[in-house]
């Protein structure tokens, strides 16, 4: 991976064989102190694992062959990456969902927005079982309102 930051914008090239989730987490940790928004991602993946939340758990699909990464969006908190993707298949159809895993095929280009002054974290919501995002502080340093 090669990455660079200018202001709040972080741009990275992920290389063939890198694990998508681990690379995005490393990028956020190194360039944004862990808290960032993934605003764009394109390229190709192999062994893409996508999930659909049915209210009880993720129904997982694995797409073995190479797929085009058409869109990648999400948020990063320290030790927690939450990504959704849309991928293009060889027959020009699409699939999408929560990213559970995947390996970079050839190259990925990912853009993040660093959340300087805003600390993100996740906690489990007892009603849904999901780990939901919480805002630890606002950019002016005051506690967030609930």
Protein backbone atom coordinates (compact mmCIF):
# COMPACT_ATOMS: atom_id res chain seq x y z
CA UNK A 1 0.00 0.00 0.00
CA UNK A 2 1.07 3.52 -0.74
CA UNK A 3 -0.83 6.42 0.82
CA UNK A 4 -0.59 10.18 1.15
CA UNK A 5 -2.51 12.86 3.00
CA UNK A 6 -3.27 16.47 2.08
CA UNK A 7 -5.39 18.31 4.64
CA UNK A 8 -8.18 15.92 5.56
CA UNK A 9 -8.04 13.94 2.29
CA UNK A 10 -6.17 10.63 2.25
CA UNK A 11 -5.57 8.74 -0.99
CA UNK A 12 -4.16 5.22 -1.19
CA UNK A 13 -3.26 2.57 -3.70
CA UNK A 14 -3.80 -0.96 -2.40
CA UNK A 15 -1.75 -3.59 -4.20
CA UNK A 16 -2.49 -7.09 -5.47
CA UNK A 17 -2.87 -9.63 -2.67
CA UNK A 18 -3.61 -7.17 0.15
CA UNK A 19 -6.63 -7.88 2.33
CA UNK A 20 -9.11 -5.04 1.83
CA UNK A 21 -10.34 -4.67 5.43
CA UNK A 22 -6.89 -4.89 7.01
CA UNK A 23 -5.44 -2.41 4.52
CA UNK A 24 -8.24 0.13 5.04
CA UNK A 25 -7.85 -0.21 8.82
CA UNK A 26 -4.07 0.31 8.54
CA UNK A 27 -4.61 3.32 6.30
CA UNK A 28 -7.01 4.93 8.81
CA UNK A 29 -4.73 4.16 11.73
CA UNK A 30 -1.60 5.53 10.08
CA UNK A 31 -3.06 8.59 8.36
CA UNK A 32 -6.09 9.58 10.47
CA UNK A 33 -5.51 8.36 14.05
CA UNK A 34 -8.17 5.71 13.39
CA UNK A 35 -11.24 7.87 12.72
CA UNK A 36 -12.12 8.42 9.07
CA UNK A 37 -14.81 8.09 6.44
CA UNK A 38 -14.20 6.01 3.33
CA UNK A 39 -15.69 8.16 0.58
CA UNK A 40 -14.54 6.30 -2.53
CA UNK A 41 -13.05 2.99 -3.57
CA UNK A 42 -12.61 1.40 -7.00
CA UNK A 43 -10.60 -1.45 -8.49
CA UNK A 44 -10.95 -5.22 -8.45
CA UNK A 45 -11.36 -7.87 -5.75
CA UNK A 46 -11.18 -11.63 -5.58
CA UNK A 47 -12.82 -13.80 -2.94
CA UNK A 48 -15.12 -10.89 -2.08
CA UNK A 49 -17.32 -11.73 0.89
CA UNK A 50 -20.47 -9.61 1.16
CA UNK A 51 -23.17 -9.78 3.81
CA UNK A 52 -26.83 -8.89 4.00
CA UNK A 53 -28.16 -8.12 7.50
CA UNK A 54 -31.50 -9.92 7.92
CA UNK A 55 -32.19 -8.60 11.42
CA UNK A 56 -30.58 -11.60 13.12
CA UNK A 57 -27.23 -11.96 11.40
CA UNK A 58 -25.39 -11.55 8.14
CA UNK A 59 -26.33 -13.80 5.24
CA UNK A 60 -22.94 -14.19 3.58
CA UNK A 61 -22.13 -14.58 -0.10
CA UNK A 62 -18.64 -15.26 -1.43
CA UNK A 63 -17.84 -14.18 -4.98
CA UNK A 64 -14.82 -16.30 -5.88
CA UNK A 65 -13.76 -14.88 -9.21
CA UNK A 66 -12.50 -11.40 -9.85
CA UNK A 67 -15.15 -8.69 -9.51
CA UNK A 68 -14.98 -4.97 -10.27
CA UNK A 69 -15.10 -2.81 -7.15
CA UNK A 70 -17.54 -0.14 -8.34
CA UNK A 71 -18.17 1.67 -5.07
CA UNK A 72 -16.77 1.45 -1.55
CA UNK A 73 -18.14 3.56 1.32
CA UNK A 74 -17.98 3.39 5.08
CA UNK A 75 -16.47 4.52 8.34
CA UNK A 76 -13.40 3.63 10.37
CA UNK A 77 -13.05 3.75 14.13
CA UNK A 78 -9.96 2.47 15.93
CA UNK A 79 -9.92 -1.35 15.47
CA UNK A 80 -13.24 -1.26 13.61
CA UNK A 81 -13.90 -0.86 9.91
CA UNK A 82 -17.48 -0.76 8.58
CA UNK A 83 -17.62 -0.88 4.79
CA UNK A 84 -20.30 -1.42 2.18
CA UNK A 85 -19.53 -2.14 -1.46
CA UNK A 86 -21.14 -2.55 -4.84
CA UNK A 87 -19.30 -4.91 -7.17
CA UNK A 88 -19.71 -5.62 -10.85
CA UNK A 89 -19.84 -9.20 -12.08
CA UNK A 90 -18.65 -10.64 -15.40
CA UNK A 91 -22.18 -10.63 -16.84
CA UNK A 92 -22.50 -6.89 -16.05
CA UNK A 93 -24.89 -7.47 -13.15
CA UNK A 94 -24.07 -6.10 -9.69
CA UNK A 95 -24.03 -7.33 -6.12
CA UNK A 96 -23.61 -5.35 -2.95
CA UNK A 97 -23.67 -5.38 0.80
CA UNK A 98 -21.62 -5.22 3.97
CA UNK A 99 -17.97 -6.06 3.29
CA UNK A 100 -16.95 -9.12 5.29
CA UNK A 101 -13.68 -9.68 3.44
CA UNK A 102 -11.89 -9.68 0.13
CA UNK A 103 -8.48 -9.60 -1.48
CA UNK A 104 -7.22 -6.89 -3.82
CA UNK A 105 -6.98 -8.14 -7.40
CA UNK A 106 -4.39 -6.06 -9.32
CA UNK A 107 -5.04 -2.69 -7.61
CA UNK A 108 -7.60 -0.68 -5.58
CA UNK A 109 -7.77 3.09 -5.24
CA UNK A 110 -9.28 4.26 -1.94
CA UNK A 111 -10.02 7.80 -0.76
CA UNK A 112 -10.72 8.70 2.87
CA UNK A 113 -11.67 11.81 4.76
CA UNK A 114 -9.83 12.09 8.10
CA UNK A 115 -12.10 13.09 10.99
CA UNK A 116 -9.65 15.31 12.81
CA UNK A 117 -11.14 16.22 16.19
CA UNK A 118 -13.95 13.68 15.97
CA UNK A 119 -13.36 10.36 17.69
CA UNK A 120 -15.46 7.46 16.45
CA UNK A 121 -16.06 4.25 18.35
CA UNK A 122 -18.54 1.38 18.21
CA UNK A 123 -20.69 -0.19 20.87
CA UNK A 124 -23.17 -3.02 20.71
CA UNK A 125 -26.81 -2.05 20.44
CA UNK A 126 -28.71 -4.58 22.59
CA UNK A 127 -31.88 -4.16 20.51
CA UNK A 128 -30.26 -5.15 17.20
CA UNK A 129 -27.02 -6.88 18.14
CA UNK A 130 -25.20 -4.53 15.77
CA UNK A 131 -22.09 -2.58 16.74
CA UNK A 132 -23.25 0.98 16.12
CA UNK A 133 -21.12 4.08 15.66
CA UNK A 134 -20.83 6.54 18.52
CA UNK A 135 -19.31 10.02 18.40
CA UNK A 136 -16.86 10.51 21.24
CA UNK A 137 -16.26 14.21 20.75
CA UNK A 138 -17.00 17.01 18.34
CA UNK A 139 -14.46 18.92 16.30
CA UNK A 140 -14.55 21.81 18.81
CA UNK A 141 -13.54 19.40 21.60
CA UNK A 142 -16.88 19.49 23.46
CA UNK A 143 -18.85 16.39 24.32
CA UNK A 144 -21.38 15.30 21.71
CA UNK A 145 -25.09 15.77 22.49
CA UNK A 146 -27.47 12.86 22.66
